[in-house]
Amino acid sequence: MAKLKRIGVLSLAKLQAVLMAFVGLIAGISYAIMGATFASLAGSAGLGAGLGFLAIIIFPILYAIFGFIGGAIEAFLYNLVAGWVGGIEMDFEQQV
């Protein structure tokens, strides 16, 4: 049985930033579709399309920034707590 005693703070922060940027892109596309749909129903399609396009650009950037910060905090806290309780026990199977 192996134990995960430490996580690289920068490593997890980068991984979390990339994952959250992808989630932000999906959220931005969803926001753009819904915004354009509701704006066209209300009669102001230009505003809805503009805000939707902006969401596709801004959401992934914001999600990545907050994902990076969150990942760094998670790794730091894991390393702190793992020092007290000994880390996570994992069982690996080696392929031959």
PDB file of N, CA and C in Angstrom:
ATOM      1  N   MET A   1       0.852  -1.172   0.000  1.00  0.00           N
ATOM      2  CA  MET A   1       0.000   0.000   0.000  1.00  0.00           C
ATOM      3  C   MET A   1       0.900   1.238   0.000  1.00  0.00           C
ATOM      4  N   ALA A   2       0.675   2.128  -0.934  1.00  0.00           N
ATOM      5  CA  ALA A   2       1.446   3.367  -1.039  1.00  0.00           C
ATOM      6  C   ALA A   2       0.639   4.510  -0.436  1.00  0.00           C
ATOM      7  N   LYS A   3       1.341   5.530   0.024  1.00  0.00           N
ATOM      8  CA  LYS A   3       0.677   6.706   0.591  1.00  0.00           C
ATOM      9  C   LYS A   3       1.058   7.944  -0.201  1.00  0.00           C
ATOM     10  N   LEU A   4       0.067   8.759  -0.471  1.00  0.00           N
ATOM     11  CA  LEU A   4       0.298  10.056  -1.091  1.00  0.00           C
ATOM     12  C   LEU A   4       0.513  11.047   0.045  1.00  0.00           C
ATOM     13  N   LYS A   5       1.772  11.410   0.271  1.00  0.00           N
ATOM     14  CA  LYS A   5       2.098  12.265   1.405  1.00  0.00           C
ATOM     15  C   LYS A   5       2.173  13.738   1.045  1.00  0.00           C
ATOM     16  N   ARG A   6       2.426  14.040  -0.228  1.00  0.00           N
ATOM     17  CA  ARG A   6       2.604  15.434  -0.620  1.00  0.00           C
ATOM     18  C   ARG A   6       2.152  15.630  -2.061  1.00  0.00           C
ATOM     19  N   ILE A   7       1.536  16.770  -2.326  1.00  0.00           N
ATOM     20  CA  ILE A   7       1.121  17.156  -3.673  1.00  0.00           C
ATOM     21  C   ILE A   7       1.870  18.432  -4.028  1.00  0.00           C
ATOM     22  N   GLY A   8       2.439  18.482  -5.219  1.00  0.00           N
ATOM     23  CA  GLY A   8       3.097  19.704  -5.675  1.00  0.00           C
ATOM     24  C   GLY A   8       2.070  20.816  -5.844  1.00  0.00           C
ATOM     25  N   VAL A   9       2.262  21.912  -5.142  1.00  0.00           N
ATOM     26  CA  VAL A   9       1.281  23.002  -5.146  1.00  0.00           C
ATOM     27  C   VAL A   9       1.107  23.560  -6.557  1.00  0.00           C
ATOM     28  N   LEU A  10       2.198  23.875  -7.223  1.00  0.00           N
ATOM     29  CA  LEU A  10       2.116  24.438  -8.568  1.00  0.00           C
ATOM     30  C   LEU A  10       1.560  23.419  -9.562  1.00  0.00           C
ATOM     31  N   SER A  11       1.895  22.161  -9.369  1.00  0.00           N
ATOM     32  CA  SER A  11       1.414  21.106 -10.255  1.00  0.00           C
ATOM     33  C   SER A  11      -0.108  20.995 -10.213  1.00  0.00           C
ATOM     34  N   LEU A  12      -0.673  20.931  -9.019  1.00  0.00           N
ATOM     35  CA  LEU A  12      -2.128  20.839  -8.890  1.00  0.00           C
ATOM     36  C   LEU A  12      -2.794  22.135  -9.331  1.00  0.00           C
ATOM     37  N   ALA A  13      -2.173  23.266  -9.052  1.00  0.00           N
ATOM     38  CA  ALA A  13      -2.750  24.553  -9.445  1.00  0.00           C
ATOM     39  C   ALA A  13      -2.862  24.648 -10.965  1.00  0.00           C
ATOM     40  N   LYS A  14      -1.828  24.216 -11.687  1.00  0.00           N
ATOM     41  CA  LYS A  14      -1.873  24.256 -13.153  1.00  0.00           C
ATOM     42  C   LYS A  14      -2.933  23.303 -13.698  1.00  0.00           C
ATOM     43  N   LEU A  15      -2.992  22.107 -13.149  1.00  0.00           N
ATOM     44  CA  LEU A  15      -3.987  21.131 -13.588  1.00  0.00           C
ATOM     45  C   LEU A  15      -5.397  21.655 -13.358  1.00  0.00           C
ATOM     46  N   GLN A  16      -5.631  22.201 -12.186  1.00  0.00           N
ATOM     47  CA  GLN A  16      -6.951  22.732 -11.844  1.00  0.00           C
ATOM     48  C   GLN A  16      -7.307  23.921 -12.742  1.00  0.00           C
ATOM     49  N   ALA A  17      -6.329  24.747 -13.088  1.00  0.00           N
ATOM     50  CA  ALA A  17      -6.579  25.894 -13.968  1.00  0.00           C
ATOM     51  C   ALA A  17      -7.034  25.431 -15.343  1.00  0.00           C
ATOM     52  N   VAL A  18      -6.386  24.415 -15.887  1.00  0.00           N
ATOM     53  CA  VAL A  18      -6.759  23.914 -17.213  1.00  0.00           C
ATOM     54  C   VAL A  18      -8.150  23.281 -17.180  1.00  0.00           C
ATOM     55  N   LEU A  19      -8.408  22.473 -16.160  1.00  0.00           N
ATOM     56  CA  LEU A  19      -9.725  21.842 -16.053  1.00  0.00           C
ATOM     57  C   LEU A  19     -10.831  22.884 -15.905  1.00  0.00           C
ATOM     58  N   MET A  20     -10.599  23.881 -15.077  1.00  0.00           N
ATOM     59  CA  MET A  20     -11.622  24.900 -14.858  1.00  0.00           C
ATOM     60  C   MET A  20     -11.784  25.818 -16.070  1.00  0.00           C
ATOM     61  N   ALA A  21     -10.721  26.028 -16.843  1.00  0.00           N
ATOM     62  CA  ALA A  21     -10.853  26.808 -18.077  1.00  0.00           C
ATOM     63  C   ALA A  21     -11.783  26.087 -19.046  1.00  0.00           C
ATOM     64  N   PHE A  22     -11.678  24.772 -19.113  1.00  0.00           N
ATOM     65  CA  PHE A  22     -12.573  23.987 -19.962  1.00  0.00           C
ATOM     66  C   PHE A  22     -14.015  24.110 -19.474  1.00  0.00           C
ATOM     67  N   VAL A  23     -14.214  24.030 -18.170  1.00  0.00           N
ATOM     68  CA  VAL A  23     -15.555  24.202 -17.602  1.00  0.00           C
ATOM     69  C   VAL A  23     -16.064  25.615 -17.899  1.00  0.00           C
ATOM     70  N   GLY A  24     -15.183  26.600 -17.802  1.00  0.00           N
ATOM     71  CA  GLY A  24     -15.561  27.977 -18.109  1.00  0.00           C
ATOM     72  C   GLY A  24     -15.957  28.161 -19.561  1.00  0.00           C
ATOM     73  N   LEU A  25     -15.281  27.449 -20.460  1.00  0.00           N
ATOM     74  CA  LEU A  25     -15.642  27.520 -21.874  1.00  0.00           C
ATOM     75  C   LEU A  25     -17.041  26.955 -22.097  1.00  0.00           C
ATOM     76  N   ILE A  26     -17.328  25.839 -21.464  1.00  0.00           N
ATOM     77  CA  ILE A  26     -18.663  25.246 -21.572  1.00  0.00           C
ATOM     78  C   ILE A  26     -19.709  26.195 -20.986  1.00  0.00           C
ATOM     79  N   ALA A  27     -19.404  26.789 -19.837  1.00  0.00           N
ATOM     80  CA  ALA A  27     -20.335  27.739 -19.220  1.00  0.00           C
ATOM     81  C   ALA A  27     -20.518  28.966 -20.106  1.00  0.00           C
ATOM     82  N   GLY A  28     -19.441  29.450 -20.705  1.00  0.00           N
ATOM     83  CA  GLY A  28     -19.528  30.615 -21.581  1.00  0.00           C
ATOM     84  C   GLY A  28     -20.362  30.340 -22.819  1.00  0.00           C
ATOM     85  N   ILE A  29     -20.181  29.163 -23.403  1.00  0.00           N
ATOM     86  CA  ILE A  29     -20.982  28.793 -24.577  1.00  0.00           C
ATOM     87  C   ILE A  29     -22.453  28.679 -24.192  1.00  0.00           C
ATOM     88  N   SER A  30     -22.720  28.061 -23.053  1.00  0.00           N
ATOM     89  CA  SER A  30     -24.105  27.941 -22.585  1.00  0.00           C
ATOM     90  C   SER A  30     -24.716  29.316 -22.340  1.00  0.00           C
ATOM     91  N   TYR A  31     -23.957  30.185 -21.709  1.00  0.00           N
ATOM     92  CA  TYR A  31     -24.430  31.541 -21.437  1.00  0.00           C
ATOM     93  C   TYR A  31     -24.692  32.281 -22.744  1.00  0.00           C
ATOM     94  N   ALA A  32     -23.814  32.098 -23.722  1.00  0.00           N
ATOM     95  CA  ALA A  32     -23.977  32.766 -25.013  1.00  0.00           C
ATOM     96  C   ALA A  32     -25.239  32.289 -25.722  1.00  0.00           C
ATOM     97  N   ILE A  33     -25.471  30.995 -25.703  1.00  0.00           N
ATOM     98  CA  ILE A  33     -26.662  30.450 -26.365  1.00  0.00           C
ATOM     99  C   ILE A  33     -27.932  30.942 -25.681  1.00  0.00           C
ATOM    100  N   MET A  34     -27.953  30.852 -24.351  1.00  0.00           N
ATOM    101  CA  MET A  34     -29.150  31.298 -23.630  1.00  0.00           C
ATOM    102  C   MET A  34     -29.341  32.804 -23.754  1.00  0.00           C
ATOM    103  N   GLY A  35     -28.256  33.563 -23.667  1.00  0.00           N
ATOM    104  CA  GLY A  35     -28.361  35.016 -23.775  1.00  0.00           C
ATOM    105  C   GLY A  35     -28.857  35.454 -25.137  1.00  0.00           C
ATOM    106  N   ALA A  36     -28.335  34.827 -26.185  1.00  0.00           N
ATOM    107  CA  ALA A  36     -28.774  35.181 -27.536  1.00  0.00           C
ATOM    108  C   ALA A  36     -30.234  34.798 -27.756  1.00  0.00           C
ATOM    109  N   THR A  37     -30.618  33.650 -27.219  1.00  0.00           N
ATOM    110  CA  THR A  37     -32.002  33.200 -27.374  1.00  0.00           C
ATOM    111  C   THR A  37     -32.966  34.144 -26.669  1.00  0.00           C
ATOM    112  N   PHE A  38     -32.691  34.444 -25.411  1.00  0.00           N
ATOM    113  CA  PHE A  38     -33.593  35.314 -24.659  1.00  0.00           C
ATOM    114  C   PHE A  38     -33.574  36.745 -25.185  1.00  0.00           C
ATOM    115  N   ALA A  39     -32.416  37.201 -25.641  1.00  0.00           N
ATOM    116  CA  ALA A  39     -32.333  38.560 -26.180  1.00  0.00           C
ATOM    117  C   ALA A  39     -33.109  38.672 -27.486  1.00  0.00           C
ATOM    118  N   SER A  40     -33.054  37.636 -28.316  1.00  0.00           N
ATOM    119  CA  SER A  40     -33.806  37.696 -29.572  1.00  0.00           C
ATOM    120  C   SER A  40     -35.307  37.649 -29.308  1.00  0.00           C
ATOM    121  N   LEU A  41     -35.707  36.925 -28.278  1.00  0.00           N
ATOM    122  CA  LEU A  41     -37.126  36.897 -27.918  1.00  0.00           C
ATOM    123  C   LEU A  41     -37.581  38.253 -27.385  1.00  0.00           C
ATOM    124  N   ALA A  42     -36.675  38.953 -26.717  1.00  0.00           N
ATOM    125  CA  ALA A  42     -37.010  40.263 -26.160  1.00  0.00           C
ATOM    126  C   ALA A  42     -36.854  41.382 -27.184  1.00  0.00           C
ATOM    127  N   GLY A  43     -36.217  41.079 -28.314  1.00  0.00           N
ATOM    128  CA  GLY A  43     -36.079  42.080 -29.366  1.00  0.00           C
ATOM    129  C   GLY A  43     -34.772  42.848 -29.346  1.00  0.00           C
ATOM    130  N   SER A  44     -33.813  42.449 -28.531  1.00  0.00           N
ATOM    131  CA  SER A  44     -32.514  43.136 -28.494  1.00  0.00           C
ATOM    132  C   SER A  44     -31.403  42.128 -28.767  1.00  0.00           C
ATOM    133  N   ALA A  45     -31.410  41.565 -29.958  1.00  0.00           N
ATOM    134  CA  ALA A  45     -30.478  40.486 -30.302  1.00  0.00           C
ATOM    135  C   ALA A  45     -29.025  40.944 -30.293  1.00  0.00           C
ATOM    136  N   GLY A  46     -28.760  42.196 -30.638  1.00  0.00           N
ATOM    137  CA  GLY A  46     -27.379  42.687 -30.673  1.00  0.00           C
ATOM    138  C   GLY A  46     -26.720  42.649 -29.310  1.00  0.00           C
ATOM    139  N   LEU A  47     -27.440  43.070 -28.300  1.00  0.00           N
ATOM    140  CA  LEU A  47     -26.897  43.072 -26.942  1.00  0.00           C
ATOM    141  C   LEU A  47     -26.657  41.652 -26.448  1.00  0.00           C
ATOM    142  N   GLY A  48     -27.599  40.765 -26.689  1.00  0.00           N
ATOM    143  CA  GLY A  48     -27.457  39.374 -26.253  1.00  0.00           C
ATOM    144  C   GLY A  48     -26.300  38.678 -26.929  1.00  0.00           C
ATOM    145  N   ALA A  49     -26.123  38.917 -28.220  1.00  0.00           N
ATOM    146  CA  ALA A  49     -25.017  38.294 -28.948  1.00  0.00           C
ATOM    147  C   ALA A  49     -23.683  38.849 -28.470  1.00  0.00           C
ATOM    148  N   GLY A  50     -23.633  40.141 -28.205  1.00  0.00           N
ATOM    149  CA  GLY A  50     -22.391  40.756 -27.726  1.00  0.00           C
ATOM    150  C   GLY A  50     -21.983  40.240 -26.362  1.00  0.00           C
ATOM    151  N   LEU A  51     -22.940  40.162 -25.455  1.00  0.00           N
ATOM    152  CA  LEU A  51     -22.638  39.644 -24.118  1.00  0.00           C
ATOM    153  C   LEU A  51     -22.284  38.165 -24.168  1.00  0.00           C
ATOM    154  N   GLY A  52     -22.944  37.425 -25.051  1.00  0.00           N
ATOM    155  CA  GLY A  52     -22.634  36.005 -25.198  1.00  0.00           C
ATOM    156  C   GLY A  52     -21.231  35.785 -25.717  1.00  0.00           C
ATOM    157  N   PHE A  53     -20.826  36.572 -26.707  1.00  0.00           N
ATOM    158  CA  PHE A  53     -19.468  36.470 -27.246  1.00  0.00           C
ATOM    159  C   PHE A  53     -18.446  36.832 -26.173  1.00  0.00           C
ATOM    160  N   LEU A  54     -18.753  37.849 -25.391  1.00  0.00           N
ATOM    161  CA  LEU A  54     -17.867  38.251 -24.300  1.00  0.00           C
ATOM    162  C   LEU A  54     -17.751  37.141 -23.254  1.00  0.00           C
ATOM    163  N   ALA A  55     -18.851  36.456 -22.981  1.00  0.00           N
ATOM    164  CA  ALA A  55     -18.838  35.364 -22.001  1.00  0.00           C
ATOM    165  C   ALA A  55     -17.946  34.219 -22.462  1.00  0.00           C
ATOM    166  N   ILE A  56     -17.939  33.936 -23.765  1.00  0.00           N
ATOM    167  CA  ILE A  56     -17.099  32.854 -24.285  1.00  0.00           C
ATOM    168  C   ILE A  56     -15.619  33.176 -24.085  1.00  0.00           C
ATOM    169  N   ILE A  57     -15.269  34.443 -24.077  1.00  0.00           N
ATOM    170  CA  ILE A  57     -13.872  34.846 -23.877  1.00  0.00           C
ATOM    171  C   ILE A  57     -13.545  34.991 -22.388  1.00  0.00           C
ATOM    172  N   ILE A  58     -14.410  35.651 -21.643  1.00  0.00           N
ATOM    173  CA  ILE A  58     -14.121  35.997 -20.250  1.00  0.00           C
ATOM    174  C   ILE A  58     -14.267  34.808 -19.297  1.00  0.00           C
ATOM    175  N   PHE A  59     -15.304  33.998 -19.461  1.00  0.00           N
ATOM    176  CA  PHE A  59     -15.545  32.896 -18.522  1.00  0.00           C
ATOM    177  C   PHE A  59     -14.358  31.937 -18.406  1.00  0.00           C
ATOM    178  N   PRO A  60     -13.788  31.451 -19.515  1.00  0.00           N
ATOM    179  CA  PRO A  60     -12.648  30.536 -19.357  1.00  0.00           C
ATOM    180  C   PRO A  60     -11.461  31.181 -18.636  1.00  0.00           C
ATOM    181  N   ILE A  61     -11.238  32.466 -18.887  1.00  0.00           N
ATOM    182  CA  ILE A  61     -10.124  33.155 -18.232  1.00  0.00           C
ATOM    183  C   ILE A  61     -10.375  33.258 -16.731  1.00  0.00           C
ATOM    184  N   LEU A  62     -11.574  33.689 -16.358  1.00  0.00           N
ATOM    185  CA  LEU A  62     -11.898  33.813 -14.934  1.00  0.00           C
ATOM    186  C   LEU A  62     -11.900  32.455 -14.239  1.00  0.00           C
ATOM    187  N   TYR A  63     -12.489  31.460 -14.882  1.00  0.00           N
ATOM    188  CA  TYR A  63     -12.514  30.118 -14.295  1.00  0.00           C
ATOM    189  C   TYR A  63     -11.095  29.587 -14.118  1.00  0.00           C
ATOM    190  N   ALA A  64     -10.213  29.840 -15.089  1.00  0.00           N
ATOM    191  CA  ALA A  64      -8.830  29.370 -14.983  1.00  0.00           C
ATOM    192  C   ALA A  64      -8.107  30.056 -13.830  1.00  0.00           C
ATOM    193  N   ILE A  65      -8.311  31.351 -13.679  1.00  0.00           N
ATOM    194  CA  ILE A  65      -7.661  32.088 -12.585  1.00  0.00           C
ATOM    195  C   ILE A  65      -8.118  31.548 -11.233  1.00  0.00           C
ATOM    196  N   PHE A  66      -9.437  31.424 -11.073  1.00  0.00           N
ATOM    197  CA  PHE A  66      -9.948  30.916  -9.801  1.00  0.00           C
ATOM    198  C   PHE A  66      -9.612  29.442  -9.604  1.00  0.00           C
ATOM    199  N   GLY A  67      -9.537  28.678 -10.687  1.00  0.00           N
ATOM    200  CA  GLY A  67      -9.116  27.282 -10.588  1.00  0.00           C
ATOM    201  C   GLY A  67      -7.673  27.157 -10.136  1.00  0.00           C
ATOM    202  N   PHE A  68      -6.808  28.023 -10.656  1.00  0.00           N
ATOM    203  CA  PHE A  68      -5.398  28.024 -10.250  1.00  0.00           C
ATOM    204  C   PHE A  68      -5.274  28.341  -8.762  1.00  0.00           C
ATOM    205  N   ILE A  69      -5.968  29.385  -8.334  1.00  0.00           N
ATOM    206  CA  ILE A  69      -5.915  29.775  -6.917  1.00  0.00           C
ATOM    207  C   ILE A  69      -6.487  28.665  -6.041  1.00  0.00           C
ATOM    208  N   GLY A  70      -7.627  28.111  -6.450  1.00  0.00           N
ATOM    209  CA  GLY A  70      -8.243  27.030  -5.682  1.00  0.00           C
ATOM    210  C   GLY A  70      -7.369  25.791  -5.623  1.00  0.00           C
ATOM    211  N   GLY A  71      -6.738  25.440  -6.738  1.00  0.00           N
ATOM    212  CA  GLY A  71      -5.849  24.280  -6.766  1.00  0.00           C
ATOM    213  C   GLY A  71      -4.645  24.460  -5.864  1.00  0.00           C
ATOM    214  N   ALA A  72      -4.093  25.663  -5.852  1.00  0.00           N
ATOM    215  CA  ALA A  72      -2.949  25.941  -4.978  1.00  0.00           C
ATOM    216  C   ALA A  72      -3.351  25.841  -3.508  1.00  0.00           C
ATOM    217  N   ILE A  73      -4.515  26.372  -3.182  1.00  0.00           N
ATOM    218  CA  ILE A  73      -4.998  26.296  -1.797  1.00  0.00           C
ATOM    219  C   ILE A  73      -5.272  24.845  -1.408  1.00  0.00           C
ATOM    220  N   GLU A  74      -5.901  24.082  -2.311  1.00  0.00           N
ATOM    221  CA  GLU A  74      -6.182  22.668  -2.030  1.00  0.00           C
ATOM    222  C   GLU A  74      -4.906  21.885  -1.773  1.00  0.00           C
ATOM    223  N   ALA A  75      -3.897  22.072  -2.625  1.00  0.00           N
ATOM    224  CA  ALA A  75      -2.640  21.340  -2.461  1.00  0.00           C
ATOM    225  C   ALA A  75      -1.947  21.740  -1.164  1.00  0.00           C
ATOM    226  N   PHE A  76      -1.952  23.031  -0.858  1.00  0.00           N
ATOM    227  CA  PHE A  76      -1.332  23.493   0.382  1.00  0.00           C
ATOM    228  C   PHE A  76      -2.023  22.876   1.592  1.00  0.00           C
ATOM    229  N   LEU A  77      -3.355  22.905   1.588  1.00  0.00           N
ATOM    230  CA  LEU A  77      -4.101  22.339   2.715  1.00  0.00           C
ATOM    231  C   LEU A  77      -3.914  20.829   2.806  1.00  0.00           C
ATOM    232  N   TYR A  78      -3.881  20.152   1.650  1.00  0.00           N
ATOM    233  CA  TYR A  78      -3.649  18.705   1.674  1.00  0.00           C
ATOM    234  C   TYR A  78      -2.294  18.400   2.292  1.00  0.00           C
ATOM    235  N   ASN A  79      -1.264  19.120   1.864  1.00  0.00           N
ATOM    236  CA  ASN A  79       0.075  18.884   2.397  1.00  0.00           C
ATOM    237  C   ASN A  79       0.123  19.140   3.901  1.00  0.00           C
ATOM    238  N   LEU A  80      -0.590  20.145   4.345  1.00  0.00           N
ATOM    239  CA  LEU A  80      -0.632  20.467   5.771  1.00  0.00           C
ATOM    240  C   LEU A  80      -1.317  19.351   6.557  1.00  0.00           C
ATOM    241  N   VAL A  81      -2.479  18.932   6.092  1.00  0.00           N
ATOM    242  CA  VAL A  81      -3.249  17.908   6.803  1.00  0.00           C
ATOM    243  C   VAL A  81      -2.595  16.533   6.666  1.00  0.00           C
ATOM    244  N   ALA A  82      -2.021  16.237   5.509  1.00  0.00           N
ATOM    245  CA  ALA A  82      -1.374  14.936   5.316  1.00  0.00           C
ATOM    246  C   ALA A  82      -0.191  14.770   6.262  1.00  0.00           C
ATOM    247  N   GLY A  83       0.440  15.865   6.630  1.00  0.00           N
ATOM    248  CA  GLY A  83       1.517  15.792   7.613  1.00  0.00           C
ATOM    249  C   GLY A  83       1.012  15.345   8.974  1.00  0.00           C
ATOM    250  N   TRP A  84      -0.226  15.667   9.281  1.00  0.00           N
ATOM    251  CA  TRP A  84      -0.804  15.292  10.575  1.00  0.00           C
ATOM    252  C   TRP A  84      -1.374  13.880  10.564  1.00  0.00           C
ATOM    253  N   VAL A  85      -2.081  13.521   9.481  1.00  0.00           N
ATOM    254  CA  VAL A  85      -2.799  12.243   9.467  1.00  0.00           C
ATOM    255  C   VAL A  85      -2.120  11.170   8.628  1.00  0.00           C
ATOM    256  N   GLY A  86      -1.087  11.518   7.890  1.00  0.00           N
ATOM    257  CA  GLY A  86      -0.321  10.511   7.174  1.00  0.00           C
ATOM    258  C   GLY A  86      -0.629  10.358   5.700  1.00  0.00           C
ATOM    259  N   GLY A  87      -1.531  11.102   5.146  1.00  0.00           N
ATOM    260  CA  GLY A  87      -1.790  11.034   3.712  1.00  0.00           C
ATOM    261  C   GLY A  87      -2.867  10.028   3.344  1.00  0.00           C
ATOM    262  N   ILE A  88      -3.061   9.876   2.041  1.00  0.00           N
ATOM    263  CA  ILE A  88      -4.073   8.968   1.507  1.00  0.00           C
ATOM    264  C   ILE A  88      -3.402   7.656   1.125  1.00  0.00           C
ATOM    265  N   GLU A  89      -3.971   6.551   1.583  1.00  0.00           N
ATOM    266  CA  GLU A  89      -3.444   5.245   1.208  1.00  0.00           C
ATOM    267  C   GLU A  89      -4.018   4.850  -0.146  1.00  0.00           C
ATOM    268  N   MET A  90      -3.131   4.390  -1.032  1.00  0.00           N
ATOM    269  CA  MET A  90      -3.547   3.981  -2.372  1.00  0.00           C
ATOM    270  C   MET A  90      -2.930   2.631  -2.688  1.00  0.00           C
ATOM    271  N   ASP A  91      -3.643   1.855  -3.475  1.00  0.00           N
ATOM    272  CA  ASP A  91      -3.157   0.547  -3.886  1.00  0.00           C
ATOM    273  C   ASP A  91      -2.973   0.574  -5.396  1.00  0.00           C
ATOM    274  N   PHE A  92      -1.743   0.353  -5.867  1.00  0.00           N
ATOM    275  CA  PHE A  92      -1.433   0.370  -7.291  1.00  0.00           C
ATOM    276  C   PHE A  92      -1.200  -1.046  -7.782  1.00  0.00           C
ATOM    277  N   GLU A  93      -1.639  -1.300  -8.999  1.00  0.00           N
ATOM    278  CA  GLU A  93      -1.388  -2.586  -9.624  1.00  0.00           C
ATOM    279  C   GLU A  93      -0.437  -2.362 -10.785  1.00  0.00           C
ATOM    280  N   GLN A  94       0.627  -3.112 -10.823  1.00  0.00           N
ATOM    281  CA  GLN A  94       1.627  -2.935 -11.864  1.00  0.00           C
ATOM    282  C   GLN A  94       1.333  -3.881 -13.023  1.00  0.00           C
ATOM    283  N   GLN A  95       1.259  -3.326 -14.233  1.00  0.00           N
ATOM    284  CA  GLN A  95       1.022  -4.123 -15.433  1.00  0.00           C
ATOM    285  C   GLN A  95       2.341  -4.709 -15.917  1.00  0.00           C
ATOM    286  N   VAL A  96       2.326  -5.969 -16.275  1.00  0.00           N
ATOM    287  CA  VAL A  96       3.549  -6.623 -16.767  1.00  0.00           C
ATOM    288  C   VAL A  96       3.414  -6.921 -18.231  1.00  0.00           C
TER     289      VAL A  96
END
